[in-house]
Amino acid sequence: KNVFGTAIPYLVGVPDPYDYYCPLHRWT
């Protein structure tokens, strides 16, 4: 909903506990 403006019940934001492996997890 926050990306395309239309809510779809099963496409909601969720925590991603593995993202810290990504090189762009934090950027400045």
PDB file of all heavy atoms in Angstrom:
ATOM      1  N   LYS A   1       0.833  -1.211   0.000  1.00  0.00           N
ATOM      2  CA  LYS A   1       0.000   0.000   0.000  1.00  0.00           C
ATOM      3  C   LYS A   1       0.866   1.258   0.000  1.00  0.00           C
ATOM      4  O   LYS A   1       0.545   2.246  -0.646  1.00  0.00           O
ATOM      5  CB  LYS A   1      -0.927   0.010   1.205  1.00  0.00           C
ATOM      6  CG  LYS A   1      -1.801   1.238   1.258  1.00  0.00           C
ATOM      7  CD  LYS A   1      -2.689   1.258   2.459  1.00  0.00           C
ATOM      8  CE  LYS A   1      -3.516   2.536   2.439  1.00  0.00           C
ATOM      9  NZ  LYS A   1      -4.300   2.692   3.637  1.00  0.00           N
ATOM     10  N   ASN A   2       1.975   1.231   0.717  1.00  0.00           N
ATOM     11  CA  ASN A   2       2.857   2.390   0.797  1.00  0.00           C
ATOM     12  C   ASN A   2       3.768   2.526  -0.416  1.00  0.00           C
ATOM     13  O   ASN A   2       4.449   3.532  -0.553  1.00  0.00           O
ATOM     14  CB  ASN A   2       3.693   2.333   2.070  1.00  0.00           C
ATOM     15  CG  ASN A   2       2.836   2.455   3.304  1.00  0.00           C
ATOM     16  OD1 ASN A   2       1.835   3.143   3.300  1.00  0.00           O
ATOM     17  ND2 ASN A   2       3.218   1.765   4.347  1.00  0.00           N
ATOM     18  N   VAL A   3       3.787   1.530  -1.263  1.00  0.00           N
ATOM     19  CA  VAL A   3       4.614   1.575  -2.471  1.00  0.00           C
ATOM     20  C   VAL A   3       3.767   1.886  -3.700  1.00  0.00           C
ATOM     21  O   VAL A   3       4.095   2.769  -4.489  1.00  0.00           O
ATOM     22  CB  VAL A   3       5.386   0.250  -2.670  1.00  0.00           C
ATOM     23  CG1 VAL A   3       6.220   0.294  -3.931  1.00  0.00           C
ATOM     24  CG2 VAL A   3       6.257  -0.050  -1.452  1.00  0.00           C
ATOM     25  N   PHE A   4       2.650   1.169  -3.853  1.00  0.00           N
ATOM     26  CA  PHE A   4       1.817   1.317  -5.046  1.00  0.00           C
ATOM     27  C   PHE A   4       0.447   1.934  -4.767  1.00  0.00           C
ATOM     28  O   PHE A   4      -0.324   2.163  -5.679  1.00  0.00           O
ATOM     29  CB  PHE A   4       1.646  -0.030  -5.755  1.00  0.00           C
ATOM     30  CG  PHE A   4       2.939  -0.562  -6.302  1.00  0.00           C
ATOM     31  CD1 PHE A   4       3.570  -1.634  -5.706  1.00  0.00           C
ATOM     32  CD2 PHE A   4       3.531   0.027  -7.414  1.00  0.00           C
ATOM     33  CE1 PHE A   4       4.769  -2.122  -6.208  1.00  0.00           C
ATOM     34  CE2 PHE A   4       4.726  -0.458  -7.918  1.00  0.00           C
ATOM     35  CZ  PHE A   4       5.348  -1.531  -7.311  1.00  0.00           C
ATOM     36  N   GLY A   5       0.110   2.169  -3.486  1.00  0.00           N
ATOM     37  CA  GLY A   5      -1.137   2.851  -3.151  1.00  0.00           C
ATOM     38  C   GLY A   5      -2.351   1.963  -2.969  1.00  0.00           C
ATOM     39  O   GLY A   5      -3.391   2.429  -2.544  1.00  0.00           O
ATOM     40  N   THR A   6      -2.240   0.699  -3.270  1.00  0.00           N
ATOM     41  CA  THR A   6      -3.368  -0.229  -3.140  1.00  0.00           C
ATOM     42  C   THR A   6      -3.007  -1.311  -2.140  1.00  0.00           C
ATOM     43  O   THR A   6      -1.977  -1.954  -2.269  1.00  0.00           O
ATOM     44  CB  THR A   6      -3.698  -0.880  -4.502  1.00  0.00           C
ATOM     45  OG1 THR A   6      -3.981   0.153  -5.447  1.00  0.00           O
ATOM     46  CG2 THR A   6      -4.899  -1.796  -4.389  1.00  0.00           C
ATOM     47  N   ALA A   7      -3.871  -1.497  -1.149  1.00  0.00           N
ATOM     48  CA  ALA A   7      -3.618  -2.530  -0.141  1.00  0.00           C
ATOM     49  C   ALA A   7      -3.984  -3.901  -0.674  1.00  0.00           C
ATOM     50  O   ALA A   7      -5.003  -4.075  -1.339  1.00  0.00           O
ATOM     51  CB  ALA A   7      -4.425  -2.238   1.116  1.00  0.00           C
ATOM     52  N   ILE A   8      -3.119  -4.870  -0.413  1.00  0.00           N
ATOM     53  CA  ILE A   8      -3.384  -6.275  -0.693  1.00  0.00           C
ATOM     54  C   ILE A   8      -3.058  -6.995   0.610  1.00  0.00           C
ATOM     55  O   ILE A   8      -1.923  -6.918   1.092  1.00  0.00           O
ATOM     56  CB  ILE A   8      -2.514  -6.805  -1.862  1.00  0.00           C
ATOM     57  CG1 ILE A   8      -2.841  -6.027  -3.147  1.00  0.00           C
ATOM     58  CG2 ILE A   8      -2.741  -8.304  -2.048  1.00  0.00           C
ATOM     59  CD1 ILE A   8      -1.962  -6.382  -4.320  1.00  0.00           C
ATOM     60  N   PRO A   9      -4.061  -7.662   1.221  1.00  0.00           N
ATOM     61  CA  PRO A   9      -3.913  -8.182   2.578  1.00  0.00           C
ATOM     62  C   PRO A   9      -2.660  -9.017   2.844  1.00  0.00           C
ATOM     63  O   PRO A   9      -2.087  -8.964   3.929  1.00  0.00           O
ATOM     64  CB  PRO A   9      -5.177  -9.031   2.778  1.00  0.00           C
ATOM     65  CG  PRO A   9      -6.162  -8.473   1.820  1.00  0.00           C
ATOM     66  CD  PRO A   9      -5.365  -7.975   0.647  1.00  0.00           C
ATOM     67  N   TYR A  10      -2.195  -9.785   1.880  1.00  0.00           N
ATOM     68  CA  TYR A  10      -1.045 -10.658   2.122  1.00  0.00           C
ATOM     69  C   TYR A  10       0.290 -10.016   1.733  1.00  0.00           C
ATOM     70  O   TYR A  10       1.337 -10.626   1.915  1.00  0.00           O
ATOM     71  CB  TYR A  10      -1.222 -11.998   1.397  1.00  0.00           C
ATOM     72  CG  TYR A  10      -1.450 -11.881  -0.101  1.00  0.00           C
ATOM     73  CD1 TYR A  10      -0.382 -11.855  -0.976  1.00  0.00           C
ATOM     74  CD2 TYR A  10      -2.736 -11.786  -0.615  1.00  0.00           C
ATOM     75  CE1 TYR A  10      -0.586 -11.735  -2.341  1.00  0.00           C
ATOM     76  CE2 TYR A  10      -2.958 -11.675  -1.969  1.00  0.00           C
ATOM     77  CZ  TYR A  10      -1.876 -11.647  -2.831  1.00  0.00           C
ATOM     78  OH  TYR A  10      -2.077 -11.535  -4.184  1.00  0.00           O
ATOM     79  N   LEU A  11       0.293  -8.784   1.229  1.00  0.00           N
ATOM     80  CA  LEU A  11       1.536  -8.096   0.883  1.00  0.00           C
ATOM     81  C   LEU A  11       1.760  -6.939   1.850  1.00  0.00           C
ATOM     82  O   LEU A  11       1.612  -5.766   1.522  1.00  0.00           O
ATOM     83  CB  LEU A  11       1.499  -7.612  -0.569  1.00  0.00           C
ATOM     84  CG  LEU A  11       1.443  -8.704  -1.628  1.00  0.00           C
ATOM     85  CD1 LEU A  11       1.357  -8.096  -3.025  1.00  0.00           C
ATOM     86  CD2 LEU A  11       2.650  -9.625  -1.536  1.00  0.00           C
ATOM     87  N   VAL A  12       2.088  -7.311   3.072  1.00  0.00           N
ATOM     88  CA  VAL A  12       2.306  -6.336   4.141  1.00  0.00           C
ATOM     89  C   VAL A  12       3.779  -6.344   4.556  1.00  0.00           C
ATOM     90  O   VAL A  12       4.506  -7.307   4.292  1.00  0.00           O
ATOM     91  CB  VAL A  12       1.406  -6.638   5.360  1.00  0.00           C
ATOM     92  CG1 VAL A  12      -0.063  -6.499   4.985  1.00  0.00           C
ATOM     93  CG2 VAL A  12       1.699  -8.025   5.918  1.00  0.00           C
ATOM     94  N   GLY A  13       4.215  -5.278   5.190  1.00  0.00           N
ATOM     95  CA  GLY A  13       5.587  -5.210   5.668  1.00  0.00           C
ATOM     96  C   GLY A  13       5.844  -6.210   6.785  1.00  0.00           C
ATOM     97  O   GLY A  13       4.970  -6.441   7.625  1.00  0.00           O
ATOM     98  N   VAL A  14       7.026  -6.796   6.758  1.00  0.00           N
ATOM     99  CA  VAL A  14       7.414  -7.763   7.788  1.00  0.00           C
ATOM    100  C   VAL A  14       8.896  -7.554   8.140  1.00  0.00           C
ATOM    101  O   VAL A  14       9.667  -7.019   7.346  1.00  0.00           O
ATOM    102  CB  VAL A  14       7.212  -9.230   7.317  1.00  0.00           C
ATOM    103  CG1 VAL A  14       5.740  -9.527   7.084  1.00  0.00           C
ATOM    104  CG2 VAL A  14       8.027  -9.521   6.074  1.00  0.00           C
ATOM    105  N   PRO A  15       9.299  -7.964   9.336  1.00  0.00           N
ATOM    106  CA  PRO A  15      10.723  -7.895   9.683  1.00  0.00           C
ATOM    107  C   PRO A  15      11.543  -8.821   8.792  1.00  0.00           C
ATOM    108  O   PRO A  15      11.068  -9.873   8.360  1.00  0.00           O
ATOM    109  CB  PRO A  15      10.768  -8.384  11.136  1.00  0.00           C
ATOM    110  CG  PRO A  15       9.375  -8.233  11.645  1.00  0.00           C
ATOM    111  CD  PRO A  15       8.475  -8.416  10.451  1.00  0.00           C
ATOM    112  N   ASP A  16      12.762  -8.418   8.503  1.00  0.00           N
ATOM    113  CA  ASP A  16      13.693  -9.229   7.715  1.00  0.00           C
ATOM    114  C   ASP A  16      14.944  -9.434   8.563  1.00  0.00           C
ATOM    115  O   ASP A  16      15.864  -8.625   8.525  1.00  0.00           O
ATOM    116  CB  ASP A  16      14.035  -8.519   6.407  1.00  0.00           C
ATOM    117  CG  ASP A  16      15.023  -9.291   5.542  1.00  0.00           C
ATOM    118  OD1 ASP A  16      15.465 -10.386   5.953  1.00  0.00           O
ATOM    119  OD2 ASP A  16      15.366  -8.793   4.459  1.00  0.00           O
ATOM    120  N   PRO A  17      14.993 -10.505   9.354  1.00  0.00           N
ATOM    121  CA  PRO A  17      16.110 -10.687  10.293  1.00  0.00           C
ATOM    122  C   PRO A  17      17.449 -11.022   9.632  1.00  0.00           C
ATOM    123  O   PRO A  17      18.471 -11.012  10.292  1.00  0.00           O
ATOM    124  CB  PRO A  17      15.637 -11.851  11.171  1.00  0.00           C
ATOM    125  CG  PRO A  17      14.696 -12.613  10.304  1.00  0.00           C
ATOM    126  CD  PRO A  17      14.016 -11.585   9.434  1.00  0.00           C
ATOM    127  N   TYR A  18      17.458 -11.284   8.332  1.00  0.00           N
ATOM    128  CA  TYR A  18      18.700 -11.666   7.659  1.00  0.00           C
ATOM    129  C   TYR A  18      19.325 -10.535   6.856  1.00  0.00           C
ATOM    130  O   TYR A  18      20.366 -10.703   6.241  1.00  0.00           O
ATOM    131  CB  TYR A  18      18.449 -12.880   6.746  1.00  0.00           C
ATOM    132  CG  TYR A  18      17.865 -14.032   7.515  1.00  0.00           C
ATOM    133  CD1 TYR A  18      16.515 -14.322   7.440  1.00  0.00           C
ATOM    134  CD2 TYR A  18      18.663 -14.787   8.357  1.00  0.00           C
ATOM    135  CE1 TYR A  18      15.965 -15.363   8.180  1.00  0.00           C
ATOM    136  CE2 TYR A  18      18.124 -15.831   9.096  1.00  0.00           C
ATOM    137  CZ  TYR A  18      16.774 -16.106   9.004  1.00  0.00           C
ATOM    138  OH  TYR A  18      16.251 -17.132   9.739  1.00  0.00           O
ATOM    139  N   ASP A  19      18.704  -9.379   6.853  1.00  0.00           N
ATOM    140  CA  ASP A  19      19.173  -8.276   6.028  1.00  0.00           C
ATOM    141  C   ASP A  19      20.557  -7.768   6.437  1.00  0.00           C
ATOM    142  O   ASP A  19      21.267  -7.199   5.625  1.00  0.00           O
ATOM    143  CB  ASP A  19      18.188  -7.112   6.050  1.00  0.00           C
ATOM    144  CG  ASP A  19      18.592  -6.026   5.087  1.00  0.00           C
ATOM    145  OD1 ASP A  19      18.445  -6.250   3.867  1.00  0.00           O
ATOM    146  OD2 ASP A  19      19.100  -4.992   5.539  1.00  0.00           O
ATOM    147  N   TYR A  20      20.963  -7.994   7.683  1.00  0.00           N
ATOM    148  CA  TYR A  20      22.274  -7.488   8.110  1.00  0.00           C
ATOM    149  C   TYR A  20      23.418  -8.082   7.293  1.00  0.00           C
ATOM    150  O   TYR A  20      24.519  -7.557   7.278  1.00  0.00           O
ATOM    151  CB  TYR A  20      22.506  -7.706   9.608  1.00  0.00           C
ATOM    152  CG  TYR A  20      22.512  -9.148  10.039  1.00  0.00           C
ATOM    153  CD1 TYR A  20      23.681  -9.900   9.997  1.00  0.00           C
ATOM    154  CD2 TYR A  20      21.351  -9.758  10.499  1.00  0.00           C
ATOM    155  CE1 TYR A  20      23.690 -11.225  10.389  1.00  0.00           C
ATOM    156  CE2 TYR A  20      21.353 -11.076  10.901  1.00  0.00           C
ATOM    157  CZ  TYR A  20      22.519 -11.798  10.846  1.00  0.00           C
ATOM    158  OH  TYR A  20      22.537 -13.110  11.236  1.00  0.00           O
ATOM    159  N   TYR A  21      23.167  -9.154   6.529  1.00  0.00           N
ATOM    160  CA  TYR A  21      24.185  -9.715   5.643  1.00  0.00           C
ATOM    161  C   TYR A  21      24.382  -8.861   4.385  1.00  0.00           C
ATOM    162  O   TYR A  21      25.378  -8.999   3.695  1.00  0.00           O
ATOM    163  CB  TYR A  21      23.809 -11.136   5.199  1.00  0.00           C
ATOM    164  CG  TYR A  21      23.869 -12.171   6.296  1.00  0.00           C
ATOM    165  CD1 TYR A  21      22.715 -12.801   6.734  1.00  0.00           C
ATOM    166  CD2 TYR A  21      25.083 -12.511   6.880  1.00  0.00           C
ATOM    167  CE1 TYR A  21      22.758 -13.759   7.731  1.00  0.00           C
ATOM    168  CE2 TYR A  21      25.137 -13.467   7.876  1.00  0.00           C
ATOM    169  CZ  TYR A  21      23.980 -14.081   8.303  1.00  0.00           C
ATOM    170  OH  TYR A  21      24.036 -15.024   9.282  1.00  0.00           O
ATOM    171  N   CYS A  22      23.408  -8.038   4.071  1.00  0.00           N
ATOM    172  CA  CYS A  22      23.455  -7.230   2.855  1.00  0.00           C
ATOM    173  C   CYS A  22      24.470  -6.092   3.013  1.00  0.00           C
ATOM    174  O   CYS A  22      24.490  -5.409   4.038  1.00  0.00           O
ATOM    175  CB  CYS A  22      22.075  -6.655   2.569  1.00  0.00           C
ATOM    176  SG  CYS A  22      22.015  -5.727   1.038  1.00  0.00           S
ATOM    177  N   PRO A  23      25.318  -5.856   2.012  1.00  0.00           N
ATOM    178  CA  PRO A  23      26.330  -4.802   2.130  1.00  0.00           C
ATOM    179  C   PRO A  23      25.741  -3.391   2.233  1.00  0.00           C
ATOM    180  O   PRO A  23      26.409  -2.488   2.716  1.00  0.00           O
ATOM    181  CB  PRO A  23      27.165  -4.942   0.853  1.00  0.00           C
ATOM    182  CG  PRO A  23      26.390  -5.816  -0.063  1.00  0.00           C
ATOM    183  CD  PRO A  23      25.425  -6.590   0.757  1.00  0.00           C
ATOM    184  N   LEU A  24      24.502  -3.207   1.821  1.00  0.00           N
ATOM    185  CA  LEU A  24      23.880  -1.886   1.946  1.00  0.00           C
ATOM    186  C   LEU A  24      22.835  -1.840   3.056  1.00  0.00           C
ATOM    187  O   LEU A  24      21.905  -1.046   3.024  1.00  0.00           O
ATOM    188  CB  LEU A  24      23.229  -1.464   0.616  1.00  0.00           C
ATOM    189  CG  LEU A  24      24.203  -1.113  -0.498  1.00  0.00           C
ATOM    190  CD1 LEU A  24      23.461  -0.849  -1.796  1.00  0.00           C
ATOM    191  CD2 LEU A  24      25.036   0.096  -0.115  1.00  0.00           C
ATOM    192  N   HIS A  25      23.018  -2.701   4.079  1.00  0.00           N
ATOM    193  CA  HIS A  25      22.094  -2.696   5.211  1.00  0.00           C
ATOM    194  C   HIS A  25      22.063  -1.307   5.847  1.00  0.00           C
ATOM    195  O   HIS A  25      21.021  -0.787   6.185  1.00  0.00           O
ATOM    196  CB  HIS A  25      22.505  -3.750   6.238  1.00  0.00           C
ATOM    197  CG  HIS A  25      21.649  -3.775   7.452  1.00  0.00           C
ATOM    198  ND1 HIS A  25      20.369  -4.279   7.452  1.00  0.00           N
ATOM    199  CD2 HIS A  25      21.875  -3.332   8.715  1.00  0.00           C
ATOM    200  CE1 HIS A  25      19.851  -4.162   8.668  1.00  0.00           C
ATOM    201  NE2 HIS A  25      20.740  -3.597   9.435  1.00  0.00           N
ATOM    202  N   ARG A  26      23.216  -0.706   5.993  1.00  0.00           N
ATOM    203  CA  ARG A  26      23.338   0.673   6.491  1.00  0.00           C
ATOM    204  C   ARG A  26      24.201   1.435   5.499  1.00  0.00           C
ATOM    205  O   ARG A  26      25.225   0.935   5.055  1.00  0.00           O
ATOM    206  CB  ARG A  26      23.977   0.714   7.875  1.00  0.00           C
ATOM    207  CG  ARG A  26      23.136   0.020   8.922  1.00  0.00           C
ATOM    208  CD  ARG A  26      23.720   0.137  10.319  1.00  0.00           C
ATOM    209  NE  ARG A  26      23.626   1.458  10.905  1.00  0.00           N
ATOM    210  CZ  ARG A  26      22.507   2.032  11.380  1.00  0.00           C
ATOM    211  NH1 ARG A  26      21.384   1.393  11.286  1.00  0.00           N
ATOM    212  NH2 ARG A  26      22.535   3.222  11.932  1.00  0.00           N
ATOM    213  N   TRP A  27      23.791   2.639   5.177  1.00  0.00           N
ATOM    214  CA  TRP A  27      24.551   3.464   4.242  1.00  0.00           C
ATOM    215  C   TRP A  27      24.424   4.917   4.663  1.00  0.00           C
ATOM    216  O   TRP A  27      23.489   5.299   5.353  1.00  0.00           O
ATOM    217  CB  TRP A  27      24.105   3.251   2.797  1.00  0.00           C
ATOM    218  CG  TRP A  27      22.632   3.342   2.562  1.00  0.00           C
ATOM    219  CD1 TRP A  27      21.724   2.321   2.653  1.00  0.00           C
ATOM    220  CD2 TRP A  27      21.873   4.504   2.223  1.00  0.00           C
ATOM    221  NE1 TRP A  27      20.464   2.771   2.386  1.00  0.00           N
ATOM    222  CE2 TRP A  27      20.521   4.112   2.111  1.00  0.00           C
ATOM    223  CE3 TRP A  27      22.192   5.831   2.001  1.00  0.00           C
ATOM    224  CZ2 TRP A  27      19.507   5.000   1.800  1.00  0.00           C
ATOM    225  CZ3 TRP A  27      21.180   6.718   1.674  1.00  0.00           C
ATOM    226  CH2 TRP A  27      19.862   6.295   1.577  1.00  0.00           C
ATOM    227  N   THR A  28      25.392   5.707   4.273  1.00  0.00           N
ATOM    228  CA  THR A  28      25.429   7.117   4.637  1.00  0.00           C
ATOM    229  C   THR A  28      25.823   7.945   3.427  1.00  0.00           C
ATOM    230  O   THR A  28      26.716   7.570   2.674  1.00  0.00           O
ATOM    231  CB  THR A  28      26.478   7.360   5.757  1.00  0.00           C
ATOM    232  OG1 THR A  28      26.135   6.555   6.880  1.00  0.00           O
ATOM    233  CG2 THR A  28      26.518   8.815   6.166  1.00  0.00           C
TER     234      THR A  28
END
